[in-house]
Amino acid sequence: MAPGLTSEGGRLVQNLPINAPVAVMAEGKKHAMAIGVLTMSSKEIKEENKGQAIEVCQFLNDGLWFLKPV
């Protein structure tokens, strides 16, 4: 949700367009917990500050995480 990106602990990279790929990081963690694409531009996220801002494609411990190497 957009408020999580604009909150005190959130981080929003400026000038990202809609459909830009993004990594979702948990505060204080080293690695991404999800990968997704923006459903709003970073400008819209900052101005509107509501709604779903990222469509998550892959997340930590999903099915892809447990695939065996080829």
PDB file of N, CA and C in Angstrom:
ATOM      1  N   MET A   1       0.833  -1.169   0.000  1.00  0.00           N
ATOM      2  CA  MET A   1       0.000   0.000   0.000  1.00  0.00           C
ATOM      3  C   MET A   1       0.887   1.246   0.000  1.00  0.00           C
ATOM      4  N   ALA A   2       0.426   2.262  -0.669  1.00  0.00           N
ATOM      5  CA  ALA A   2       1.200   3.495  -0.829  1.00  0.00           C
ATOM      6  C   ALA A   2       1.632   4.129   0.498  1.00  0.00           C
ATOM      7  N   PRO A   3       0.788   4.168   1.537  1.00  0.00           N
ATOM      8  CA  PRO A   3       1.236   4.793   2.787  1.00  0.00           C
ATOM      9  C   PRO A   3       2.485   4.154   3.391  1.00  0.00           C
ATOM     10  N   GLY A   4       2.707   2.889   3.158  1.00  0.00           N
ATOM     11  CA  GLY A   4       3.909   2.230   3.662  1.00  0.00           C
ATOM     12  C   GLY A   4       5.177   2.748   3.006  1.00  0.00           C
ATOM     13  N   LEU A   5       5.059   3.223   1.782  1.00  0.00           N
ATOM     14  CA  LEU A   5       6.210   3.758   1.063  1.00  0.00           C
ATOM     15  C   LEU A   5       6.513   5.203   1.454  1.00  0.00           C
ATOM     16  N   THR A   6       5.497   5.907   1.924  1.00  0.00           N
ATOM     17  CA  THR A   6       5.677   7.318   2.270  1.00  0.00           C
ATOM     18  C   THR A   6       5.765   7.545   3.780  1.00  0.00           C
ATOM     19  N   SER A   7       5.657   6.487   4.571  1.00  0.00           N
ATOM     20  CA  SER A   7       5.727   6.618   6.031  1.00  0.00           C
ATOM     21  C   SER A   7       7.156   6.930   6.472  1.00  0.00           C
ATOM     22  N   GLU A   8       7.330   7.168   7.756  1.00  0.00           N
ATOM     23  CA  GLU A   8       8.635   7.539   8.303  1.00  0.00           C
ATOM     24  C   GLU A   8       9.718   6.500   7.987  1.00  0.00           C
ATOM     25  N   GLY A   9       9.393   5.217   8.085  1.00  0.00           N
ATOM     26  CA  GLY A   9      10.369   4.162   7.822  1.00  0.00           C
ATOM     27  C   GLY A   9      10.440   3.747   6.366  1.00  0.00           C
ATOM     28  N   GLY A  10       9.547   4.265   5.531  1.00  0.00           N
ATOM     29  CA  GLY A  10       9.500   3.889   4.122  1.00  0.00           C
ATOM     30  C   GLY A  10      10.521   4.628   3.284  1.00  0.00           C
ATOM     31  N   ARG A  11      10.764   4.094   2.107  1.00  0.00           N
ATOM     32  CA  ARG A  11      11.690   4.739   1.173  1.00  0.00           C
ATOM     33  C   ARG A  11      11.082   4.667  -0.219  1.00  0.00           C
ATOM     34  N   LEU A  12      10.945   5.805  -0.849  1.00  0.00           N
ATOM     35  CA  LEU A  12      10.347   5.883  -2.174  1.00  0.00           C
ATOM     36  C   LEU A  12      11.339   6.542  -3.128  1.00  0.00           C
ATOM     37  N   VAL A  13      11.762   5.801  -4.142  1.00  0.00           N
ATOM     38  CA  VAL A  13      12.682   6.332  -5.151  1.00  0.00           C
ATOM     39  C   VAL A  13      11.894   7.275  -6.062  1.00  0.00           C
ATOM     40  N   GLN A  14      12.449   8.429  -6.331  1.00  0.00           N
ATOM     41  CA  GLN A  14      11.772   9.439  -7.151  1.00  0.00           C
ATOM     42  C   GLN A  14      11.864   9.116  -8.641  1.00  0.00           C
ATOM     43  N   ASN A  15      10.909   9.641  -9.398  1.00  0.00           N
ATOM     44  CA  ASN A  15      10.878   9.593 -10.869  1.00  0.00           C
ATOM     45  C   ASN A  15      10.775   8.189 -11.451  1.00  0.00           C
ATOM     46  N   LEU A  16      10.096   7.280 -10.765  1.00  0.00           N
ATOM     47  CA  LEU A  16       9.852   5.950 -11.329  1.00  0.00           C
ATOM     48  C   LEU A  16       8.493   5.948 -12.035  1.00  0.00           C
ATOM     49  N   PRO A  17       8.422   5.402 -13.245  1.00  0.00           N
ATOM     50  CA  PRO A  17       7.153   5.359 -13.979  1.00  0.00           C
ATOM     51  C   PRO A  17       6.310   4.140 -13.567  1.00  0.00           C
ATOM     52  N   ILE A  18       5.079   4.141 -14.009  1.00  0.00           N
ATOM     53  CA  ILE A  18       4.214   2.963 -13.834  1.00  0.00           C
ATOM     54  C   ILE A  18       4.891   1.783 -14.530  1.00  0.00           C
ATOM     55  N   ASN A  19       4.764   0.593 -13.991  1.00  0.00           N
ATOM     56  CA  ASN A  19       5.349  -0.662 -14.492  1.00  0.00           C
ATOM     57  C   ASN A  19       6.856  -0.773 -14.288  1.00  0.00           C
ATOM     58  N   ALA A  20       7.441   0.109 -13.508  1.00  0.00           N
ATOM     59  CA  ALA A  20       8.865  -0.013 -13.193  1.00  0.00           C
ATOM     60  C   ALA A  20       9.058  -1.182 -12.231  1.00  0.00           C
ATOM     61  N   PRO A  21      10.050  -2.032 -12.463  1.00  0.00           N
ATOM     62  CA  PRO A  21      10.307  -3.131 -11.528  1.00  0.00           C
ATOM     63  C   PRO A  21      10.889  -2.584 -10.227  1.00  0.00           C
ATOM     64  N   VAL A  22      10.447  -3.161  -9.100  1.00  0.00           N
ATOM     65  CA  VAL A  22      10.917  -2.711  -7.786  1.00  0.00           C
ATOM     66  C   VAL A  22      11.169  -3.907  -6.875  1.00  0.00           C
ATOM     67  N   ALA A  23      12.055  -3.707  -5.922  1.00  0.00           N
ATOM     68  CA  ALA A  23      12.298  -4.691  -4.868  1.00  0.00           C
ATOM     69  C   ALA A  23      11.661  -4.154  -3.593  1.00  0.00           C
ATOM     70  N   VAL A  24      10.951  -5.020  -2.875  1.00  0.00           N
ATOM     71  CA  VAL A  24      10.321  -4.635  -1.618  1.00  0.00           C
ATOM     72  C   VAL A  24      11.225  -5.116  -0.488  1.00  0.00           C
ATOM     73  N   MET A  25      11.683  -4.176   0.312  1.00  0.00           N
ATOM     74  CA  MET A  25      12.608  -4.482   1.396  1.00  0.00           C
ATOM     75  C   MET A  25      11.910  -4.309   2.743  1.00  0.00           C
ATOM     76  N   ALA A  26      12.204  -5.179   3.690  1.00  0.00           N
ATOM     77  CA  ALA A  26      11.737  -5.006   5.060  1.00  0.00           C
ATOM     78  C   ALA A  26      12.740  -4.113   5.780  1.00  0.00           C
ATOM     79  N   GLU A  27      12.237  -3.239   6.614  1.00  0.00           N
ATOM     80  CA  GLU A  27      13.102  -2.297   7.316  1.00  0.00           C
ATOM     81  C   GLU A  27      14.166  -3.031   8.121  1.00  0.00           C
ATOM     82  N   GLY A  28      15.419  -2.646   7.897  1.00  0.00           N
ATOM     83  CA  GLY A  28      16.534  -3.244   8.622  1.00  0.00           C
ATOM     84  C   GLY A  28      17.046  -4.557   8.061  1.00  0.00           C
ATOM     85  N   LYS A  29      16.473  -5.054   6.973  1.00  0.00           N
ATOM     86  CA  LYS A  29      16.911  -6.313   6.376  1.00  0.00           C
ATOM     87  C   LYS A  29      17.818  -6.064   5.180  1.00  0.00           C
ATOM     88  N   LYS A  30      18.676  -7.032   4.883  1.00  0.00           N
ATOM     89  CA  LYS A  30      19.665  -6.897   3.816  1.00  0.00           C
ATOM     90  C   LYS A  30      19.103  -7.271   2.437  1.00  0.00           C
ATOM     91  N   HIS A  31      18.213  -8.262   2.377  1.00  0.00           N
ATOM     92  CA  HIS A  31      17.722  -8.779   1.105  1.00  0.00           C
ATOM     93  C   HIS A  31      16.250  -8.451   0.898  1.00  0.00           C
ATOM     94  N   ALA A  32      15.842  -8.426  -0.371  1.00  0.00           N
ATOM     95  CA  ALA A  32      14.449  -8.139  -0.718  1.00  0.00           C
ATOM     96  C   ALA A  32      13.530  -9.265  -0.262  1.00  0.00           C
ATOM     97  N   MET A  33      12.323  -8.915   0.148  1.00  0.00           N
ATOM     98  CA  MET A  33      11.337  -9.927   0.522  1.00  0.00           C
ATOM     99  C   MET A  33      10.308 -10.131  -0.582  1.00  0.00           C
ATOM    100  N   ALA A  34      10.317  -9.248  -1.588  1.00  0.00           N
ATOM    101  CA  ALA A  34       9.413  -9.400  -2.726  1.00  0.00           C
ATOM    102  C   ALA A  34       9.940  -8.598  -3.909  1.00  0.00           C
ATOM    103  N   ILE A  35       9.471  -8.990  -5.100  1.00  0.00           N
ATOM    104  CA  ILE A  35       9.772  -8.280  -6.338  1.00  0.00           C
ATOM    105  C   ILE A  35       8.427  -7.991  -6.994  1.00  0.00           C
ATOM    106  N   GLY A  36       8.279  -6.792  -7.513  1.00  0.00           N
ATOM    107  CA  GLY A  36       7.016  -6.439  -8.148  1.00  0.00           C
ATOM    108  C   GLY A  36       7.187  -5.322  -9.154  1.00  0.00           C
ATOM    109  N   VAL A  37       6.059  -4.814  -9.643  1.00  0.00           N
ATOM    110  CA  VAL A  37       6.047  -3.675 -10.557  1.00  0.00           C
ATOM    111  C   VAL A  37       5.110  -2.620  -9.996  1.00  0.00           C
ATOM    112  N   LEU A  38       5.446  -1.359 -10.247  1.00  0.00           N
ATOM    113  CA  LEU A  38       4.613  -0.266  -9.751  1.00  0.00           C
ATOM    114  C   LEU A  38       3.303  -0.193 -10.519  1.00  0.00           C
ATOM    115  N   THR A  39       2.217   0.019  -9.805  1.00  0.00           N
ATOM    116  CA  THR A  39       0.916   0.239 -10.428  1.00  0.00           C
ATOM    117  C   THR A  39       0.600   1.730 -10.472  1.00  0.00           C
ATOM    118  N   MET A  40       1.463   2.516  -9.835  1.00  0.00           N
ATOM    119  CA  MET A  40       1.357   3.979  -9.835  1.00  0.00           C
ATOM    120  C   MET A  40       2.776   4.516 -10.003  1.00  0.00           C
ATOM    121  N   SER A  41       2.920   5.702 -10.549  1.00  0.00           N
ATOM    122  CA  SER A  41       4.254   6.306 -10.616  1.00  0.00           C
ATOM    123  C   SER A  41       4.650   6.778  -9.224  1.00  0.00           C
ATOM    124  N   SER A  42       5.937   6.998  -9.004  1.00  0.00           N
ATOM    125  CA  SER A  42       6.371   7.456  -7.685  1.00  0.00           C
ATOM    126  C   SER A  42       5.779   8.832  -7.366  1.00  0.00           C
ATOM    127  N   LYS A  43       5.557   9.641  -8.375  1.00  0.00           N
ATOM    128  CA  LYS A  43       4.927  10.953  -8.172  1.00  0.00           C
ATOM    129  C   LYS A  43       3.483  10.780  -7.682  1.00  0.00           C
ATOM    130  N   GLU A  44       2.728   9.855  -8.308  1.00  0.00           N
ATOM    131  CA  GLU A  44       1.344   9.592  -7.892  1.00  0.00           C
ATOM    132  C   GLU A  44       1.294   9.026  -6.475  1.00  0.00           C
ATOM    133  N   ILE A  45       2.228   8.149  -6.146  1.00  0.00           N
ATOM    134  CA  ILE A  45       2.269   7.559  -4.806  1.00  0.00           C
ATOM    135  C   ILE A  45       2.445   8.657  -3.765  1.00  0.00           C
ATOM    136  N   LYS A  46       3.374   9.566  -4.020  1.00  0.00           N
ATOM    137  CA  LYS A  46       3.650  10.646  -3.075  1.00  0.00           C
ATOM    138  C   LYS A  46       2.462  11.596  -2.955  1.00  0.00           C
ATOM    139  N   GLU A  47       1.825  11.936  -4.072  1.00  0.00           N
ATOM    140  CA  GLU A  47       0.717  12.893  -4.062  1.00  0.00           C
ATOM    141  C   GLU A  47      -0.560  12.300  -3.474  1.00  0.00           C
ATOM    142  N   GLU A  48      -0.940  11.084  -3.894  1.00  0.00           N
ATOM    143  CA  GLU A  48      -2.193  10.472  -3.465  1.00  0.00           C
ATOM    144  C   GLU A  48      -2.074   9.788  -2.110  1.00  0.00           C
ATOM    145  N   ASN A  49      -0.962   9.106  -1.875  1.00  0.00           N
ATOM    146  CA  ASN A  49      -0.671   8.426  -0.608  1.00  0.00           C
ATOM    147  C   ASN A  49      -1.776   7.464  -0.170  1.00  0.00           C
ATOM    148  N   LYS A  50      -2.390   6.773  -1.118  1.00  0.00           N
ATOM    149  CA  LYS A  50      -3.380   5.743  -0.792  1.00  0.00           C
ATOM    150  C   LYS A  50      -3.487   4.775  -1.962  1.00  0.00           C
ATOM    151  N   GLY A  51      -3.965   3.581  -1.667  1.00  0.00           N
ATOM    152  CA  GLY A  51      -4.149   2.576  -2.694  1.00  0.00           C
ATOM    153  C   GLY A  51      -2.963   1.627  -2.812  1.00  0.00           C
ATOM    154  N   GLN A  52      -3.144   0.632  -3.680  1.00  0.00           N
ATOM    155  CA  GLN A  52      -2.104  -0.367  -3.923  1.00  0.00           C
ATOM    156  C   GLN A  52      -1.102   0.195  -4.911  1.00  0.00           C
ATOM    157  N   ALA A  53       0.154   0.297  -4.511  1.00  0.00           N
ATOM    158  CA  ALA A  53       1.178   0.922  -5.336  1.00  0.00           C
ATOM    159  C   ALA A  53       2.057  -0.086  -6.065  1.00  0.00           C
ATOM    160  N   ILE A  54       2.095  -1.341  -5.570  1.00  0.00           N
ATOM    161  CA  ILE A  54       2.970  -2.363  -6.157  1.00  0.00           C
ATOM    162  C   ILE A  54       2.186  -3.646  -6.393  1.00  0.00           C
ATOM    163  N   GLU A  55       2.320  -4.197  -7.583  1.00  0.00           N
ATOM    164  CA  GLU A  55       1.778  -5.531  -7.871  1.00  0.00           C
ATOM    165  C   GLU A  55       2.920  -6.520  -7.659  1.00  0.00           C
ATOM    166  N   VAL A  56       2.798  -7.342  -6.635  1.00  0.00           N
ATOM    167  CA  VAL A  56       3.867  -8.281  -6.280  1.00  0.00           C
ATOM    168  C   VAL A  56       3.866  -9.459  -7.258  1.00  0.00           C
ATOM    169  N   CYS A  57       5.034  -9.764  -7.808  1.00  0.00           N
ATOM    170  CA  CYS A  57       5.190 -10.873  -8.749  1.00  0.00           C
ATOM    171  C   CYS A  57       5.763 -12.114  -8.064  1.00  0.00           C
ATOM    172  N   GLN A  58       6.768 -11.924  -7.225  1.00  0.00           N
ATOM    173  CA  GLN A  58       7.406 -13.016  -6.491  1.00  0.00           C
ATOM    174  C   GLN A  58       7.660 -12.540  -5.068  1.00  0.00           C
ATOM    175  N   PHE A  59       7.555 -13.464  -4.108  1.00  0.00           N
ATOM    176  CA  PHE A  59       7.812 -13.090  -2.721  1.00  0.00           C
ATOM    177  C   PHE A  59       8.576 -14.200  -2.015  1.00  0.00           C
ATOM    178  N   LEU A  60       9.193 -13.843  -0.918  1.00  0.00           N
ATOM    179  CA  LEU A  60      10.003 -14.767  -0.145  1.00  0.00           C
ATOM    180  C   LEU A  60       9.201 -16.009   0.239  1.00  0.00           C
ATOM    181  N   ASN A  61       9.769 -17.175  -0.005  1.00  0.00           N
ATOM    182  CA  ASN A  61       9.164 -18.482   0.303  1.00  0.00           C
ATOM    183  C   ASN A  61       7.955 -18.838  -0.550  1.00  0.00           C
ATOM    184  N   ASP A  62       7.795 -18.244  -1.726  1.00  0.00           N
ATOM    185  CA  ASP A  62       6.717 -18.668  -2.629  1.00  0.00           C
ATOM    186  C   ASP A  62       7.174 -19.925  -3.377  1.00  0.00           C
ATOM    187  N   GLY A  63       6.389 -20.399  -4.311  1.00  0.00           N
ATOM    188  CA  GLY A  63       6.710 -21.623  -5.040  1.00  0.00           C
ATOM    189  C   GLY A  63       8.026 -21.577  -5.789  1.00  0.00           C
ATOM    190  N   LEU A  64       8.345 -20.430  -6.369  1.00  0.00           N
ATOM    191  CA  LEU A  64       9.603 -20.284  -7.097  1.00  0.00           C
ATOM    192  C   LEU A  64      10.803 -20.448  -6.179  1.00  0.00           C
ATOM    193  N   TRP A  65      10.666 -20.019  -4.948  1.00  0.00           N
ATOM    194  CA  TRP A  65      11.747 -20.105  -3.956  1.00  0.00           C
ATOM    195  C   TRP A  65      12.197 -21.561  -3.760  1.00  0.00           C
ATOM    196  N   PHE A  66      11.248 -22.487  -3.840  1.00  0.00           N
ATOM    197  CA  PHE A  66      11.545 -23.890  -3.554  1.00  0.00           C
ATOM    198  C   PHE A  66      11.797 -24.754  -4.788  1.00  0.00           C
ATOM    199  N   LEU A  67      11.899 -24.156  -5.966  1.00  0.00           N
ATOM    200  CA  LEU A  67      12.214 -24.942  -7.157  1.00  0.00           C
ATOM    201  C   LEU A  67      13.629 -25.488  -7.074  1.00  0.00           C
ATOM    202  N   LYS A  68      13.790 -26.695  -7.560  1.00  0.00           N
ATOM    203  CA  LYS A  68      15.116 -27.315  -7.563  1.00  0.00           C
ATOM    204  C   LYS A  68      15.925 -26.770  -8.740  1.00  0.00           C
ATOM    205  N   PRO A  69      17.244 -26.664  -8.590  1.00  0.00           N
ATOM    206  CA  PRO A  69      18.072 -26.173  -9.707  1.00  0.00           C
ATOM    207  C   PRO A  69      17.963 -27.088 -10.911  1.00  0.00           C
ATOM    208  N   VAL A  70      18.104 -26.506 -12.084  1.00  0.00           N
ATOM    209  CA  VAL A  70      18.023 -27.262 -13.342  1.00  0.00           C
ATOM    210  C   VAL A  70      19.401 -27.730 -13.732  1.00  0.00           C
TER     211      VAL A  70
END
